[in-house]
Amino acid sequence: MKYIFIHIEVQDGERRLHDHKVLHTTNCNNVGFAVEWYVAHYWGYGERIYKDEWWWWGDFCGRVKSWSEITKEEFNILNKYL
């Protein structure tokens, strides 16, 4: 099991709505793929337009601002606050 901290930037067109911080677990060998999969399905099924880093869910878009693989102990501590 791999433990991941993901930071997603969410916008409504040009207006920045919020930053979403989430903890995620995966058995996937490619952690980068697991992060992109999570973001693509964050607000339903997302799609990429213009081959950029943003995922679009209708009127909203988001992208991975940062992510890091963390230990199980860090995951358990952060899970109390996020």
PDB file of N, CA and C in Angstrom:
ATOM      1  N   MET A   1       0.848  -1.177   0.000  1.00  0.00           N
ATOM      2  CA  MET A   1       0.000   0.000   0.000  1.00  0.00           C
ATOM      3  C   MET A   1       0.891   1.237   0.000  1.00  0.00           C
ATOM      4  N   LYS A   2       0.547   2.184  -0.851  1.00  0.00           N
ATOM      5  CA  LYS A   2       1.275   3.456  -0.912  1.00  0.00           C
ATOM      6  C   LYS A   2       0.341   4.567  -0.454  1.00  0.00           C
ATOM      7  N   TYR A   3       0.913   5.523   0.244  1.00  0.00           N
ATOM      8  CA  TYR A   3       0.152   6.632   0.825  1.00  0.00           C
ATOM      9  C   TYR A   3       0.601   7.921   0.149  1.00  0.00           C
ATOM     10  N   ILE A   4      -0.381   8.719  -0.295  1.00  0.00           N
ATOM     11  CA  ILE A   4      -0.082   9.913  -1.089  1.00  0.00           C
ATOM     12  C   ILE A   4      -0.827  11.115  -0.525  1.00  0.00           C
ATOM     13  N   PHE A   5      -0.134  12.251  -0.477  1.00  0.00           N
ATOM     14  CA  PHE A   5      -0.737  13.549  -0.159  1.00  0.00           C
ATOM     15  C   PHE A   5      -0.821  14.315  -1.477  1.00  0.00           C
ATOM     16  N   ILE A   6      -2.041  14.728  -1.870  1.00  0.00           N
ATOM     17  CA  ILE A   6      -2.261  15.406  -3.152  1.00  0.00           C
ATOM     18  C   ILE A   6      -2.821  16.801  -2.894  1.00  0.00           C
ATOM     19  N   HIS A   7      -2.274  17.783  -3.597  1.00  0.00           N
ATOM     20  CA  HIS A   7      -2.726  19.172  -3.521  1.00  0.00           C
ATOM     21  C   HIS A   7      -3.269  19.544  -4.907  1.00  0.00           C
ATOM     22  N   ILE A   8      -4.579  19.829  -4.984  1.00  0.00           N
ATOM     23  CA  ILE A   8      -5.256  20.138  -6.252  1.00  0.00           C
ATOM     24  C   ILE A   8      -5.689  21.592  -6.255  1.00  0.00           C
ATOM     25  N   GLU A   9      -5.399  22.288  -7.332  1.00  0.00           N
ATOM     26  CA  GLU A   9      -5.854  23.665  -7.532  1.00  0.00           C
ATOM     27  C   GLU A   9      -7.119  23.614  -8.389  1.00  0.00           C
ATOM     28  N   VAL A  10      -8.219  24.209  -7.912  1.00  0.00           N
ATOM     29  CA  VAL A  10      -9.503  24.169  -8.613  1.00  0.00           C
ATOM     30  C   VAL A  10      -9.894  25.579  -9.023  1.00  0.00           C
ATOM     31  N   GLN A  11     -10.329  25.727 -10.290  1.00  0.00           N
ATOM     32  CA  GLN A  11     -10.726  27.036 -10.820  1.00  0.00           C
ATOM     33  C   GLN A  11     -12.053  26.949 -11.549  1.00  0.00           C
ATOM     34  N   ASP A  12     -12.700  28.099 -11.665  1.00  0.00           N
ATOM     35  CA  ASP A  12     -13.907  28.277 -12.456  1.00  0.00           C
ATOM     36  C   ASP A  12     -13.547  29.270 -13.547  1.00  0.00           C
ATOM     37  N   GLY A  13     -13.076  28.783 -14.666  1.00  0.00           N
ATOM     38  CA  GLY A  13     -12.578  29.674 -15.715  1.00  0.00           C
ATOM     39  C   GLY A  13     -11.317  30.366 -15.248  1.00  0.00           C
ATOM     40  N   GLU A  14     -11.337  31.690 -15.181  1.00  0.00           N
ATOM     41  CA  GLU A  14     -10.176  32.473 -14.749  1.00  0.00           C
ATOM     42  C   GLU A  14     -10.135  32.653 -13.226  1.00  0.00           C
ATOM     43  N   ARG A  15     -11.246  32.371 -12.556  1.00  0.00           N
ATOM     44  CA  ARG A  15     -11.350  32.630 -11.118  1.00  0.00           C
ATOM     45  C   ARG A  15     -10.940  31.394 -10.321  1.00  0.00           C
ATOM     46  N   ARG A  16      -9.977  31.567  -9.446  1.00  0.00           N
ATOM     47  CA  ARG A  16      -9.514  30.469  -8.598  1.00  0.00           C
ATOM     48  C   ARG A  16     -10.509  30.252  -7.475  1.00  0.00           C
ATOM     49  N   LEU A  17     -11.007  29.034  -7.345  1.00  0.00           N
ATOM     50  CA  LEU A  17     -12.001  28.735  -6.321  1.00  0.00           C
ATOM     51  C   LEU A  17     -11.349  28.336  -4.999  1.00  0.00           C
ATOM     52  N   HIS A  18     -10.534  27.293  -5.028  1.00  0.00           N
ATOM     53  CA  HIS A  18      -9.917  26.836  -3.797  1.00  0.00           C
ATOM     54  C   HIS A  18      -8.813  25.831  -4.095  1.00  0.00           C
ATOM     55  N   ASP A  19      -8.071  25.510  -3.072  1.00  0.00           N
ATOM     56  CA  ASP A  19      -7.087  24.434  -3.138  1.00  0.00           C
ATOM     57  C   ASP A  19      -7.654  23.273  -2.342  1.00  0.00           C
ATOM     58  N   HIS A  20      -7.611  22.106  -2.924  1.00  0.00           N
ATOM     59  CA  HIS A  20      -8.130  20.904  -2.271  1.00  0.00           C
ATOM     60  C   HIS A  20      -6.943  20.029  -1.891  1.00  0.00           C
ATOM     61  N   LYS A  21      -6.841  19.673  -0.630  1.00  0.00           N
ATOM     62  CA  LYS A  21      -5.763  18.810  -0.155  1.00  0.00           C
ATOM     63  C   LYS A  21      -6.383  17.505   0.311  1.00  0.00           C
ATOM     64  N   VAL A  22      -5.848  16.405  -0.192  1.00  0.00           N
ATOM     65  CA  VAL A  22      -6.457  15.107   0.079  1.00  0.00           C
ATOM     66  C   VAL A  22      -5.386  14.051   0.320  1.00  0.00           C
ATOM     67  N   LEU A  23      -5.743  13.058   1.116  1.00  0.00           N
ATOM     68  CA  LEU A  23      -4.903  11.885   1.319  1.00  0.00           C
ATOM     69  C   LEU A  23      -5.508  10.756   0.497  1.00  0.00           C
ATOM     70  N   HIS A  24      -4.651   9.989  -0.145  1.00  0.00           N
ATOM     71  CA  HIS A  24      -5.118   8.917  -1.025  1.00  0.00           C
ATOM     72  C   HIS A  24      -4.234   7.699  -0.818  1.00  0.00           C
ATOM     73  N   THR A  25      -4.825   6.519  -0.883  1.00  0.00           N
ATOM     74  CA  THR A  25      -4.056   5.279  -0.813  1.00  0.00           C
ATOM     75  C   THR A  25      -4.206   4.536  -2.127  1.00  0.00           C
ATOM     76  N   THR A  26      -3.171   3.813  -2.509  1.00  0.00           N
ATOM     77  CA  THR A  26      -3.217   3.070  -3.756  1.00  0.00           C
ATOM     78  C   THR A  26      -2.291   1.863  -3.695  1.00  0.00           C
ATOM     79  N   ASN A  27      -2.601   0.879  -4.494  1.00  0.00           N
ATOM     80  CA  ASN A  27      -1.722  -0.269  -4.692  1.00  0.00           C
ATOM     81  C   ASN A  27      -1.019  -0.174  -6.041  1.00  0.00           C
ATOM     82  N   CYS A  28      -1.242   0.914  -6.740  1.00  0.00           N
ATOM     83  CA  CYS A  28      -0.664   1.131  -8.067  1.00  0.00           C
ATOM     84  C   CYS A  28       0.860   1.267  -7.966  1.00  0.00           C
ATOM     85  N   ASN A  29       1.589   0.628  -8.879  1.00  0.00           N
ATOM     86  CA  ASN A  29       3.053   0.747  -8.897  1.00  0.00           C
ATOM     87  C   ASN A  29       3.504   2.134  -9.330  1.00  0.00           C
ATOM     88  N   ASN A  30       2.775   2.753 -10.246  1.00  0.00           N
ATOM     89  CA  ASN A  30       3.106   4.077 -10.750  1.00  0.00           C
ATOM     90  C   ASN A  30       2.305   5.116  -9.959  1.00  0.00           C
ATOM     91  N   VAL A  31       2.929   5.713  -8.962  1.00  0.00           N
ATOM     92  CA  VAL A  31       2.229   6.653  -8.083  1.00  0.00           C
ATOM     93  C   VAL A  31       1.796   7.897  -8.850  1.00  0.00           C
ATOM     94  N   GLY A  32       2.612   8.370  -9.796  1.00  0.00           N
ATOM     95  CA  GLY A  32       2.237   9.527 -10.611  1.00  0.00           C
ATOM     96  C   GLY A  32       0.947   9.282 -11.374  1.00  0.00           C
ATOM     97  N   PHE A  33       0.777   8.072 -11.910  1.00  0.00           N
ATOM     98  CA  PHE A  33      -0.458   7.715 -12.605  1.00  0.00           C
ATOM     99  C   PHE A  33      -1.639   7.716 -11.639  1.00  0.00           C
ATOM    100  N   ALA A  34      -1.450   7.182 -10.432  1.00  0.00           N
ATOM    101  CA  ALA A  34      -2.521   7.148  -9.433  1.00  0.00           C
ATOM    102  C   ALA A  34      -2.975   8.560  -9.072  1.00  0.00           C
ATOM    103  N   VAL A  35      -2.027   9.488  -8.981  1.00  0.00           N
ATOM    104  CA  VAL A  35      -2.354  10.881  -8.672  1.00  0.00           C
ATOM    105  C   VAL A  35      -3.178  11.487  -9.810  1.00  0.00           C
ATOM    106  N   GLU A  36      -2.739  11.310 -11.045  1.00  0.00           N
ATOM    107  CA  GLU A  36      -3.477  11.856 -12.195  1.00  0.00           C
ATOM    108  C   GLU A  36      -4.860  11.230 -12.305  1.00  0.00           C
ATOM    109  N   TRP A  37      -4.980   9.929 -12.019  1.00  0.00           N
ATOM    110  CA  TRP A  37      -6.271   9.266 -12.062  1.00  0.00           C
ATOM    111  C   TRP A  37      -7.210   9.876 -11.024  1.00  0.00           C
ATOM    112  N   TYR A  38      -6.704  10.116  -9.819  1.00  0.00           N
ATOM    113  CA  TYR A  38      -7.531  10.710  -8.773  1.00  0.00           C
ATOM    114  C   TYR A  38      -8.033  12.087  -9.209  1.00  0.00           C
ATOM    115  N   VAL A  39      -7.146  12.918  -9.736  1.00  0.00           N
ATOM    116  CA  VAL A  39      -7.536  14.262 -10.155  1.00  0.00           C
ATOM    117  C   VAL A  39      -8.517  14.210 -11.323  1.00  0.00           C
ATOM    118  N   ALA A  40      -8.305  13.299 -12.248  1.00  0.00           N
ATOM    119  CA  ALA A  40      -9.214  13.176 -13.396  1.00  0.00           C
ATOM    120  C   ALA A  40     -10.627  12.819 -12.960  1.00  0.00           C
ATOM    121  N   HIS A  41     -10.770  12.098 -11.859  1.00  0.00           N
ATOM    122  CA  HIS A  41     -12.082  11.669 -11.375  1.00  0.00           C
ATOM    123  C   HIS A  41     -12.532  12.431 -10.134  1.00  0.00           C
ATOM    124  N   TYR A  42     -11.854  13.515  -9.823  1.00  0.00           N
ATOM    125  CA  TYR A  42     -12.148  14.295  -8.614  1.00  0.00           C
ATOM    126  C   TYR A  42     -13.580  14.832  -8.606  1.00  0.00           C
ATOM    127  N   TRP A  43     -14.036  15.373  -9.719  1.00  0.00           N
ATOM    128  CA  TRP A  43     -15.362  15.987  -9.801  1.00  0.00           C
ATOM    129  C   TRP A  43     -16.169  15.294 -10.897  1.00  0.00           C
ATOM    130  N   GLY A  44     -16.169  13.991 -10.892  1.00  0.00           N
ATOM    131  CA  GLY A  44     -16.785  13.225 -11.960  1.00  0.00           C
ATOM    132  C   GLY A  44     -15.713  12.848 -12.966  1.00  0.00           C
ATOM    133  N   TYR A  45     -16.114  12.527 -14.182  1.00  0.00           N
ATOM    134  CA  TYR A  45     -15.141  12.149 -15.198  1.00  0.00           C
ATOM    135  C   TYR A  45     -14.597  13.402 -15.875  1.00  0.00           C
ATOM    136  N   GLY A  46     -13.308  13.658 -15.723  1.00  0.00           N
ATOM    137  CA  GLY A  46     -12.686  14.834 -16.316  1.00  0.00           C
ATOM    138  C   GLY A  46     -12.026  14.509 -17.638  1.00  0.00           C
ATOM    139  N   GLU A  47     -11.784  15.531 -18.420  1.00  0.00           N
ATOM    140  CA  GLU A  47     -11.070  15.361 -19.680  1.00  0.00           C
ATOM    141  C   GLU A  47     -10.068  16.491 -19.843  1.00  0.00           C
ATOM    142  N   ARG A  48      -9.028  16.201 -20.583  1.00  0.00           N
ATOM    143  CA  ARG A  48      -8.020  17.221 -20.857  1.00  0.00           C
ATOM    144  C   ARG A  48      -8.341  17.882 -22.188  1.00  0.00           C
ATOM    145  N   ILE A  49      -8.265  19.192 -22.190  1.00  0.00           N
ATOM    146  CA  ILE A  49      -8.491  19.972 -23.412  1.00  0.00           C
ATOM    147  C   ILE A  49      -7.183  20.651 -23.763  1.00  0.00           C
ATOM    148  N   TYR A  50      -6.855  20.667 -24.999  1.00  0.00           N
ATOM    149  CA  TYR A  50      -5.631  21.311 -25.491  1.00  0.00           C
ATOM    150  C   TYR A  50      -4.358  20.625 -24.998  1.00  0.00           C
ATOM    151  N   LYS A  51      -4.453  19.399 -24.494  1.00  0.00           N
ATOM    152  CA  LYS A  51      -3.291  18.623 -24.045  1.00  0.00           C
ATOM    153  C   LYS A  51      -2.468  19.348 -22.981  1.00  0.00           C
ATOM    154  N   ASP A  52      -3.115  20.147 -22.146  1.00  0.00           N
ATOM    155  CA  ASP A  52      -2.392  20.842 -21.081  1.00  0.00           C
ATOM    156  C   ASP A  52      -2.498  20.068 -19.775  1.00  0.00           C
ATOM    157  N   GLU A  53      -2.096  20.655 -18.674  1.00  0.00           N
ATOM    158  CA  GLU A  53      -2.081  19.968 -17.387  1.00  0.00           C
ATOM    159  C   GLU A  53      -3.396  20.067 -16.633  1.00  0.00           C
ATOM    160  N   TRP A  54      -4.376  20.792 -17.171  1.00  0.00           N
ATOM    161  CA  TRP A  54      -5.652  20.998 -16.495  1.00  0.00           C
ATOM    162  C   TRP A  54      -6.658  19.919 -16.888  1.00  0.00           C
ATOM    163  N   TRP A  55      -7.416  19.434 -15.915  1.00  0.00           N
ATOM    164  CA  TRP A  55      -8.538  18.525 -16.144  1.00  0.00           C
ATOM    165  C   TRP A  55      -9.810  19.348 -16.086  1.00  0.00           C
ATOM    166  N   TRP A  56     -10.735  19.115 -17.012  1.00  0.00           N
ATOM    167  CA  TRP A  56     -11.981  19.875 -17.097  1.00  0.00           C
ATOM    168  C   TRP A  56     -13.154  18.982 -16.723  1.00  0.00           C
ATOM    169  N   TRP A  57     -14.015  19.482 -15.836  1.00  0.00           N
ATOM    170  CA  TRP A  57     -15.241  18.797 -15.416  1.00  0.00           C
ATOM    171  C   TRP A  57     -16.413  19.731 -15.711  1.00  0.00           C
ATOM    172  N   GLY A  58     -16.723  19.947 -16.939  1.00  0.00           N
ATOM    173  CA  GLY A  58     -17.794  20.874 -17.294  1.00  0.00           C
ATOM    174  C   GLY A  58     -17.337  22.308 -17.135  1.00  0.00           C
ATOM    175  N   ASP A  59     -17.899  23.033 -16.163  1.00  0.00           N
ATOM    176  CA  ASP A  59     -17.564  24.442 -15.940  1.00  0.00           C
ATOM    177  C   ASP A  59     -16.327  24.651 -15.079  1.00  0.00           C
ATOM    178  N   PHE A  60     -15.858  23.616 -14.418  1.00  0.00           N
ATOM    179  CA  PHE A  60     -14.720  23.736 -13.510  1.00  0.00           C
ATOM    180  C   PHE A  60     -13.506  23.010 -14.071  1.00  0.00           C
ATOM    181  N   CYS A  61     -12.335  23.453 -13.646  1.00  0.00           N
ATOM    182  CA  CYS A  61     -11.108  22.770 -14.041  1.00  0.00           C
ATOM    183  C   CYS A  61     -10.175  22.685 -12.840  1.00  0.00           C
ATOM    184  N   GLY A  62      -9.256  21.743 -12.894  1.00  0.00           N
ATOM    185  CA  GLY A  62      -8.310  21.567 -11.808  1.00  0.00           C
ATOM    186  C   GLY A  62      -7.037  20.915 -12.299  1.00  0.00           C
ATOM    187  N   ARG A  63      -6.003  21.055 -11.506  1.00  0.00           N
ATOM    188  CA  ARG A  63      -4.721  20.448 -11.842  1.00  0.00           C
ATOM    189  C   ARG A  63      -3.998  20.066 -10.569  1.00  0.00           C
ATOM    190  N   VAL A  64      -3.037  19.186 -10.735  1.00  0.00           N
ATOM    191  CA  VAL A  64      -2.205  18.787  -9.609  1.00  0.00           C
ATOM    192  C   VAL A  64      -1.227  19.917  -9.341  1.00  0.00           C
ATOM    193  N   LYS A  65      -1.324  20.516  -8.179  1.00  0.00           N
ATOM    194  CA  LYS A  65      -0.384  21.566  -7.798  1.00  0.00           C
ATOM    195  C   LYS A  65       0.891  20.936  -7.252  1.00  0.00           C
ATOM    196  N   SER A  66       0.718  19.892  -6.432  1.00  0.00           N
ATOM    197  CA  SER A  66       1.860  19.122  -5.928  1.00  0.00           C
ATOM    198  C   SER A  66       1.351  17.814  -5.347  1.00  0.00           C
ATOM    199  N   TRP A  67       2.242  16.883  -5.185  1.00  0.00           N
ATOM    200  CA  TRP A  67       1.918  15.624  -4.517  1.00  0.00           C
ATOM    201  C   TRP A  67       3.196  15.033  -3.953  1.00  0.00           C
ATOM    202  N   SER A  68       3.037  14.195  -2.943  1.00  0.00           N
ATOM    203  CA  SER A  68       4.199  13.513  -2.386  1.00  0.00           C
ATOM    204  C   SER A  68       3.756  12.190  -1.778  1.00  0.00           C
ATOM    205  N   GLU A  69       4.626  11.226  -1.884  1.00  0.00           N
ATOM    206  CA  GLU A  69       4.382   9.942  -1.246  1.00  0.00           C
ATOM    207  C   GLU A  69       4.816  10.078   0.212  1.00  0.00           C
ATOM    208  N   ILE A  70       3.969   9.645   1.129  1.00  0.00           N
ATOM    209  CA  ILE A  70       4.247   9.794   2.552  1.00  0.00           C
ATOM    210  C   ILE A  70       4.226   8.419   3.227  1.00  0.00           C
ATOM    211  N   THR A  71       4.695   8.382   4.453  1.00  0.00           N
ATOM    212  CA  THR A  71       4.703   7.133   5.204  1.00  0.00           C
ATOM    213  C   THR A  71       3.322   6.879   5.821  1.00  0.00           C
ATOM    214  N   LYS A  72       3.117   5.656   6.294  1.00  0.00           N
ATOM    215  CA  LYS A  72       1.849   5.309   6.930  1.00  0.00           C
ATOM    216  C   LYS A  72       1.637   6.134   8.193  1.00  0.00           C
ATOM    217  N   GLU A  73       2.699   6.391   8.931  1.00  0.00           N
ATOM    218  CA  GLU A  73       2.592   7.194  10.152  1.00  0.00           C
ATOM    219  C   GLU A  73       2.184   8.632   9.826  1.00  0.00           C
ATOM    220  N   GLU A  74       2.803   9.217   8.802  1.00  0.00           N
ATOM    221  CA  GLU A  74       2.429  10.573   8.374  1.00  0.00           C
ATOM    222  C   GLU A  74       0.979  10.598   7.901  1.00  0.00           C
ATOM    223  N   PHE A  75       0.582   9.568   7.170  1.00  0.00           N
ATOM    224  CA  PHE A  75      -0.790   9.461   6.686  1.00  0.00           C
ATOM    225  C   PHE A  75      -1.778   9.469   7.845  1.00  0.00           C
ATOM    226  N   ASN A  76      -1.499   8.674   8.868  1.00  0.00           N
ATOM    227  CA  ASN A  76      -2.400   8.587  10.023  1.00  0.00           C
ATOM    228  C   ASN A  76      -2.498   9.912  10.776  1.00  0.00           C
ATOM    229  N   ILE A  77      -1.396  10.623  10.895  1.00  0.00           N
ATOM    230  CA  ILE A  77      -1.414  11.932  11.561  1.00  0.00           C
ATOM    231  C   ILE A  77      -2.187  12.950  10.735  1.00  0.00           C
ATOM    232  N   LEU A  78      -1.886  13.056   9.438  1.00  0.00           N
ATOM    233  CA  LEU A  78      -2.593  14.005   8.571  1.00  0.00           C
ATOM    234  C   LEU A  78      -4.069  13.674   8.438  1.00  0.00           C
ATOM    235  N   ASN A  79      -4.400  12.399   8.505  1.00  0.00           N
ATOM    236  CA  ASN A  79      -5.788  11.977   8.354  1.00  0.00           C
ATOM    237  C   ASN A  79      -6.670  12.536   9.472  1.00  0.00           C
ATOM    238  N   LYS A  80      -6.089  12.906  10.594  1.00  0.00           N
ATOM    239  CA  LYS A  80      -6.864  13.501  11.685  1.00  0.00           C
ATOM    240  C   LYS A  80      -7.242  14.945  11.394  1.00  0.00           C
ATOM    241  N   TYR A  81      -6.489  15.618  10.508  1.00  0.00           N
ATOM    242  CA  TYR A  81      -6.677  17.052  10.276  1.00  0.00           C
ATOM    243  C   TYR A  81      -7.209  17.401   8.896  1.00  0.00           C
ATOM    244  N   LEU A  82      -7.135  16.490   7.950  1.00  0.00           N
ATOM    245  CA  LEU A  82      -7.641  16.795   6.596  1.00  0.00           C
ATOM    246  C   LEU A  82      -8.960  16.121   6.334  1.00  0.00           C
TER     247      LEU A  82
END
